[in-house]
Amino acid sequence: MAITPPTVRIWWKEPIAKVELIWIVIAFIWGLVMFFMMIYWHGAGQQNLSNEAYKTTPEQYAAKANAVVEAHKVRDEAGYPVVHPPAGSDVYLIARLWQWWPILELEKGQTYRVHMSSMDWQHGFSLQPTNINISVHPGYDMVVTMTPDQAGEFGIVCNEFCGIGHHMMIGKIYVVE
């Protein structure tokens, strides 16, 4: 509520000042520029991962993940299996309260199809320190094609609030030469 009411109560019939019209046009043009830049950068900027999603059930997905772990486990680390799959293969990562399972060990310069699914709630896959962010939904197998270009240890952080242990939901991906 204003302190003093406007002198003309039907304000939308008033003419628009030239300065206001200029700012409206500038804002509209800028909005169009940003819209088309998003489309351009998706293809040319190579910053957004093109991914696939398939319907699944937690039981089906867990069976596939367990089969890959059994076939390609190289060691244990803090109670988690470390999996080193062959280059070009499909690898499976399970998100569940409050962990990422298993730990992946990938080879630098090799391409992998990384599958992700949640066993319970929606989680977020954020690969640190790179800028890869993906929503991981229960009932869906999210597939991302990755080619690591630098060796090192990368942290996986859940970036979707998933409950009281959310802040402890971290995982690892090792990239070896």
C-alpha atoms as a PDB file:
ATOM      1  CA  MET A   1       0.000   0.000   0.000  1.00  0.00           C
ATOM      2  CA  ALA A   2       1.388   3.388  -0.985  1.00  0.00           C
ATOM      3  CA  ILE A   3       1.491   6.373   1.340  1.00  0.00           C
ATOM      4  CA  THR A   4      -0.352   8.468  -1.204  1.00  0.00           C
ATOM      5  CA  PRO A   5      -2.530   6.894  -3.875  1.00  0.00           C
ATOM      6  CA  PRO A   6      -1.654   7.498  -7.524  1.00  0.00           C
ATOM      7  CA  THR A   7      -3.387  10.434  -9.194  1.00  0.00           C
ATOM      8  CA  VAL A   8      -4.486   8.270 -12.106  1.00  0.00           C
ATOM      9  CA  ARG A   9      -5.889   4.959 -10.905  1.00  0.00           C
ATOM     10  CA  ILE A  10      -5.904   3.226 -14.304  1.00  0.00           C
ATOM     11  CA  TRP A  11      -2.114   3.293 -14.704  1.00  0.00           C
ATOM     12  CA  TRP A  12      -1.894   0.802 -17.600  1.00  0.00           C
ATOM     13  CA  LYS A  13      -3.598   3.311 -19.911  1.00  0.00           C
ATOM     14  CA  GLU A  14      -0.859   5.878 -19.343  1.00  0.00           C
ATOM     15  CA  PRO A  15       1.719   6.296 -22.123  1.00  0.00           C
ATOM     16  CA  ILE A  16       5.106   4.619 -21.582  1.00  0.00           C
ATOM     17  CA  ALA A  17       8.012   6.989 -21.153  1.00  0.00           C
ATOM     18  CA  LYS A  18      10.690   6.777 -23.863  1.00  0.00           C
ATOM     19  CA  VAL A  19      13.393   5.783 -21.319  1.00  0.00           C
ATOM     20  CA  GLU A  20      11.238   2.914 -20.038  1.00  0.00           C
ATOM     21  CA  LEU A  21      10.531   1.722 -23.561  1.00  0.00           C
ATOM     22  CA  ILE A  22      14.262   1.724 -24.354  1.00  0.00           C
ATOM     23  CA  TRP A  23      14.993  -0.427 -21.273  1.00  0.00           C
ATOM     24  CA  ILE A  24      12.173  -2.841 -22.145  1.00  0.00           C
ATOM     25  CA  VAL A  25      13.587  -3.280 -25.666  1.00  0.00           C
ATOM     26  CA  ILE A  26      17.147  -3.736 -24.324  1.00  0.00           C
ATOM     27  CA  ALA A  27      15.958  -6.379 -21.820  1.00  0.00           C
ATOM     28  CA  PHE A  28      13.996  -8.235 -24.509  1.00  0.00           C
ATOM     29  CA  ILE A  29      16.925  -8.257 -26.951  1.00  0.00           C
ATOM     30  CA  TRP A  30      19.318  -9.371 -24.198  1.00  0.00           C
ATOM     31  CA  GLY A  31      16.931 -12.198 -23.291  1.00  0.00           C
ATOM     32  CA  LEU A  32      16.925 -13.363 -26.932  1.00  0.00           C
ATOM     33  CA  VAL A  33      20.735 -13.182 -27.109  1.00  0.00           C
ATOM     34  CA  MET A  34      21.070 -15.299 -23.945  1.00  0.00           C
ATOM     35  CA  PHE A  35      18.506 -17.816 -25.197  1.00  0.00           C
ATOM     36  CA  PHE A  36      20.357 -18.392 -28.468  1.00  0.00           C
ATOM     37  CA  MET A  37      23.734 -18.443 -26.701  1.00  0.00           C
ATOM     38  CA  MET A  38      22.532 -21.357 -24.546  1.00  0.00           C
ATOM     39  CA  ILE A  39      21.683 -23.323 -27.682  1.00  0.00           C
ATOM     40  CA  TYR A  40      24.990 -22.363 -29.326  1.00  0.00           C
ATOM     41  CA  TRP A  41      27.128 -23.225 -26.285  1.00  0.00           C
ATOM     42  CA  HIS A  42      25.438 -26.589 -25.824  1.00  0.00           C
ATOM     43  CA  GLY A  43      26.854 -27.688 -29.156  1.00  0.00           C
ATOM     44  CA  ALA A  44      29.927 -25.521 -29.693  1.00  0.00           C
ATOM     45  CA  GLY A  45      30.987 -24.948 -26.100  1.00  0.00           C
ATOM     46  CA  GLN A  46      31.373 -28.623 -25.243  1.00  0.00           C
ATOM     47  CA  GLN A  47      30.434 -27.852 -21.660  1.00  0.00           C
ATOM     48  CA  ASN A  48      27.208 -29.805 -21.397  1.00  0.00           C
ATOM     49  CA  LEU A  49      27.312 -33.568 -21.433  1.00  0.00           C
ATOM     50  CA  SER A  50      24.833 -35.192 -23.731  1.00  0.00           C
ATOM     51  CA  ASN A  51      23.436 -38.093 -21.791  1.00  0.00           C
ATOM     52  CA  GLU A  52      20.906 -40.860 -22.116  1.00  0.00           C
ATOM     53  CA  ALA A  53      18.258 -42.088 -19.693  1.00  0.00           C
ATOM     54  CA  TYR A  54      16.531 -45.456 -19.576  1.00  0.00           C
ATOM     55  CA  LYS A  55      13.763 -46.793 -17.337  1.00  0.00           C
ATOM     56  CA  THR A  56      14.925 -49.469 -14.905  1.00  0.00           C
ATOM     57  CA  THR A  57      14.168 -50.856 -11.482  1.00  0.00           C
ATOM     58  CA  PRO A  58      16.521 -50.721  -8.502  1.00  0.00           C
ATOM     59  CA  GLU A  59      16.780 -54.521  -8.560  1.00  0.00           C
ATOM     60  CA  GLN A  60      17.719 -54.704 -12.263  1.00  0.00           C
ATOM     61  CA  TYR A  61      20.223 -51.886 -11.954  1.00  0.00           C
ATOM     62  CA  ALA A  62      21.838 -53.308  -8.791  1.00  0.00           C
ATOM     63  CA  ALA A  63      22.253 -56.695 -10.527  1.00  0.00           C
ATOM     64  CA  LYS A  64      24.129 -55.048 -13.429  1.00  0.00           C
ATOM     65  CA  ALA A  65      26.310 -53.016 -11.042  1.00  0.00           C
ATOM     66  CA  ASN A  66      27.132 -56.078  -8.939  1.00  0.00           C
ATOM     67  CA  ALA A  67      28.076 -58.069 -12.066  1.00  0.00           C
ATOM     68  CA  VAL A  68      30.547 -55.350 -13.128  1.00  0.00           C
ATOM     69  CA  VAL A  69      32.020 -55.187  -9.618  1.00  0.00           C
ATOM     70  CA  GLU A  70      32.469 -58.964  -9.472  1.00  0.00           C
ATOM     71  CA  ALA A  71      34.108 -59.028 -12.915  1.00  0.00           C
ATOM     72  CA  HIS A  72      36.464 -56.045 -12.541  1.00  0.00           C
ATOM     73  CA  LYS A  73      37.216 -55.531  -8.828  1.00  0.00           C
ATOM     74  CA  VAL A  74      40.922 -54.870  -8.236  1.00  0.00           C
ATOM     75  CA  ARG A  75      41.008 -54.116  -4.497  1.00  0.00           C
ATOM     76  CA  ASP A  76      39.061 -52.804  -1.507  1.00  0.00           C
ATOM     77  CA  GLU A  77      39.424 -49.325  -0.065  1.00  0.00           C
ATOM     78  CA  ALA A  78      37.798 -48.456   3.257  1.00  0.00           C
ATOM     79  CA  GLY A  79      35.244 -51.234   2.766  1.00  0.00           C
ATOM     80  CA  TYR A  80      34.347 -50.197  -0.787  1.00  0.00           C
ATOM     81  CA  PRO A  81      35.323 -52.182  -3.879  1.00  0.00           C
ATOM     82  CA  VAL A  82      37.586 -50.411  -6.387  1.00  0.00           C
ATOM     83  CA  VAL A  83      36.589 -51.351  -9.927  1.00  0.00           C
ATOM     84  CA  HIS A  84      38.941 -51.043 -12.928  1.00  0.00           C
ATOM     85  CA  PRO A  85      36.844 -51.852 -16.004  1.00  0.00           C
ATOM     86  CA  PRO A  86      38.367 -52.297 -19.469  1.00  0.00           C
ATOM     87  CA  ALA A  87      38.521 -49.222 -21.697  1.00  0.00           C
ATOM     88  CA  GLY A  88      35.391 -48.612 -23.727  1.00  0.00           C
ATOM     89  CA  SER A  89      33.160 -50.572 -21.378  1.00  0.00           C
ATOM     90  CA  ASP A  90      30.062 -49.729 -19.397  1.00  0.00           C
ATOM     91  CA  VAL A  91      30.610 -48.949 -15.718  1.00  0.00           C
ATOM     92  CA  TYR A  92      27.920 -48.694 -13.068  1.00  0.00           C
ATOM     93  CA  LEU A  93      27.699 -46.298 -10.145  1.00  0.00           C
ATOM     94  CA  ILE A  94      25.012 -46.666  -7.475  1.00  0.00           C
ATOM     95  CA  ALA A  95      23.707 -43.721  -5.451  1.00  0.00           C
ATOM     96  CA  ARG A  96      21.957 -44.577  -2.192  1.00  0.00           C
ATOM     97  CA  LEU A  97      21.601 -43.102   1.262  1.00  0.00           C
ATOM     98  CA  TRP A  98      24.371 -41.833   1.847  1.00  0.00           C
ATOM     99  CA  GLN A  99      27.026 -43.242  -0.420  1.00  0.00           C
ATOM    100  CA  TRP A 100      28.297 -43.659  -3.954  1.00  0.00           C
ATOM    101  CA  TRP A 101      29.197 -47.269  -4.718  1.00  0.00           C
ATOM    102  CA  PRO A 102      31.682 -48.544  -5.970  1.00  0.00           C
ATOM    103  CA  ILE A 103      34.904 -46.546  -6.365  1.00  0.00           C
ATOM    104  CA  LEU A 104      35.833 -46.342 -10.051  1.00  0.00           C
ATOM    105  CA  GLU A 105      39.351 -46.491 -11.475  1.00  0.00           C
ATOM    106  CA  LEU A 106      39.423 -45.307 -15.088  1.00  0.00           C
ATOM    107  CA  GLU A 107      42.251 -44.885 -17.579  1.00  0.00           C
ATOM    108  CA  LYS A 108      43.255 -41.459 -18.859  1.00  0.00           C
ATOM    109  CA  GLY A 109      42.320 -40.902 -22.511  1.00  0.00           C
ATOM    110  CA  GLN A 110      39.947 -43.878 -22.654  1.00  0.00           C
ATOM    111  CA  THR A 111      36.195 -43.567 -23.173  1.00  0.00           C
ATOM    112  CA  TYR A 112      33.670 -45.123 -20.792  1.00  0.00           C
ATOM    113  CA  ARG A 113      29.898 -45.178 -20.581  1.00  0.00           C
ATOM    114  CA  VAL A 114      29.182 -44.352 -16.945  1.00  0.00           C
ATOM    115  CA  HIS A 115      25.750 -45.506 -15.787  1.00  0.00           C
ATOM    116  CA  MET A 116      24.216 -43.943 -12.672  1.00  0.00           C
ATOM    117  CA  SER A 117      21.022 -44.713 -10.819  1.00  0.00           C
ATOM    118  CA  SER A 118      19.593 -44.133  -7.377  1.00  0.00           C
ATOM    119  CA  MET A 119      18.291 -46.924  -5.195  1.00  0.00           C
ATOM    120  CA  ASP A 120      16.106 -44.647  -3.063  1.00  0.00           C
ATOM    121  CA  TRP A 121      15.818 -40.848  -3.494  1.00  0.00           C
ATOM    122  CA  GLN A 122      16.885 -38.286  -6.039  1.00  0.00           C
ATOM    123  CA  HIS A 123      20.600 -37.564  -5.768  1.00  0.00           C
ATOM    124  CA  GLY A 124      22.928 -35.262  -7.648  1.00  0.00           C
ATOM    125  CA  PHE A 125      26.212 -36.371  -9.237  1.00  0.00           C
ATOM    126  CA  SER A 126      28.773 -33.572  -9.060  1.00  0.00           C
ATOM    127  CA  LEU A 127      32.314 -34.490 -10.121  1.00  0.00           C
ATOM    128  CA  GLN A 128      34.891 -32.297  -8.389  1.00  0.00           C
ATOM    129  CA  PRO A 129      36.958 -30.329  -9.327  1.00  0.00           C
ATOM    130  CA  THR A 130      35.446 -30.538 -12.832  1.00  0.00           C
ATOM    131  CA  ASN A 131      32.089 -29.003 -13.644  1.00  0.00           C
ATOM    132  CA  ILE A 132      29.986 -32.100 -14.307  1.00  0.00           C
ATOM    133  CA  ASN A 133      26.545 -32.105 -12.680  1.00  0.00           C
ATOM    134  CA  ILE A 134      23.812 -34.667 -13.320  1.00  0.00           C
ATOM    135  CA  SER A 135      20.555 -35.423 -11.551  1.00  0.00           C
ATOM    136  CA  VAL A 136      20.325 -39.091 -10.622  1.00  0.00           C
ATOM    137  CA  HIS A 137      16.755 -40.328 -10.300  1.00  0.00           C
ATOM    138  CA  PRO A 138      15.435 -43.599  -8.884  1.00  0.00           C
ATOM    139  CA  GLY A 139      13.959 -45.786 -11.595  1.00  0.00           C
ATOM    140  CA  TYR A 140      16.210 -44.342 -14.309  1.00  0.00           C
ATOM    141  CA  ASP A 141      19.582 -45.424 -15.635  1.00  0.00           C
ATOM    142  CA  MET A 142      21.413 -42.165 -16.467  1.00  0.00           C
ATOM    143  CA  VAL A 143      24.238 -42.807 -18.958  1.00  0.00           C
ATOM    144  CA  VAL A 144      27.079 -40.362 -19.589  1.00  0.00           C
ATOM    145  CA  THR A 145      29.945 -40.961 -21.989  1.00  0.00           C
ATOM    146  CA  MET A 146      33.195 -39.785 -20.371  1.00  0.00           C
ATOM    147  CA  THR A 147      36.775 -39.590 -21.604  1.00  0.00           C
ATOM    148  CA  PRO A 148      39.016 -38.510 -18.696  1.00  0.00           C
ATOM    149  CA  ASP A 149      41.720 -36.132 -19.943  1.00  0.00           C
ATOM    150  CA  GLN A 150      43.758 -35.783 -16.766  1.00  0.00           C
ATOM    151  CA  ALA A 151      44.994 -38.238 -14.166  1.00  0.00           C
ATOM    152  CA  GLY A 152      44.240 -37.869 -10.479  1.00  0.00           C
ATOM    153  CA  GLU A 153      41.660 -38.417  -7.793  1.00  0.00           C
ATOM    154  CA  PHE A 154      38.239 -36.898  -8.335  1.00  0.00           C
ATOM    155  CA  GLY A 155      35.548 -36.541  -5.710  1.00  0.00           C
ATOM    156  CA  ILE A 156      31.879 -37.258  -6.262  1.00  0.00           C
ATOM    157  CA  VAL A 157      29.558 -35.070  -4.221  1.00  0.00           C
ATOM    158  CA  CYS A 158      25.784 -35.330  -3.951  1.00  0.00           C
ATOM    159  CA  ASN A 159      24.389 -31.920  -4.849  1.00  0.00           C
ATOM    160  CA  GLU A 160      20.701 -32.702  -4.239  1.00  0.00           C
ATOM    161  CA  PHE A 161      19.641 -32.622  -0.598  1.00  0.00           C
ATOM    162  CA  CYS A 162      18.824 -36.238   0.245  1.00  0.00           C
ATOM    163  CA  GLY A 163      18.369 -36.248   3.991  1.00  0.00           C
ATOM    164  CA  ILE A 164      20.242 -36.035   7.253  1.00  0.00           C
ATOM    165  CA  GLY A 165      23.435 -37.715   5.956  1.00  0.00           C
ATOM    166  CA  HIS A 166      23.578 -35.685   2.709  1.00  0.00           C
ATOM    167  CA  HIS A 167      26.741 -33.839   3.735  1.00  0.00           C
ATOM    168  CA  MET A 168      28.600 -37.177   4.069  1.00  0.00           C
ATOM    169  CA  MET A 169      27.583 -38.566   0.651  1.00  0.00           C
ATOM    170  CA  ILE A 170      30.888 -38.565  -1.188  1.00  0.00           C
ATOM    171  CA  GLY A 171      32.550 -40.983  -3.573  1.00  0.00           C
ATOM    172  CA  LYS A 172      35.706 -41.272  -5.662  1.00  0.00           C
ATOM    173  CA  ILE A 173      36.876 -41.780  -9.210  1.00  0.00           C
ATOM    174  CA  TYR A 174      40.556 -42.450  -9.821  1.00  0.00           C
ATOM    175  CA  VAL A 175      42.005 -41.698 -13.242  1.00  0.00           C
ATOM    176  CA  VAL A 176      45.285 -43.503 -13.893  1.00  0.00           C
ATOM    177  CA  GLU A 177      47.845 -43.054 -16.677  1.00  0.00           C
END
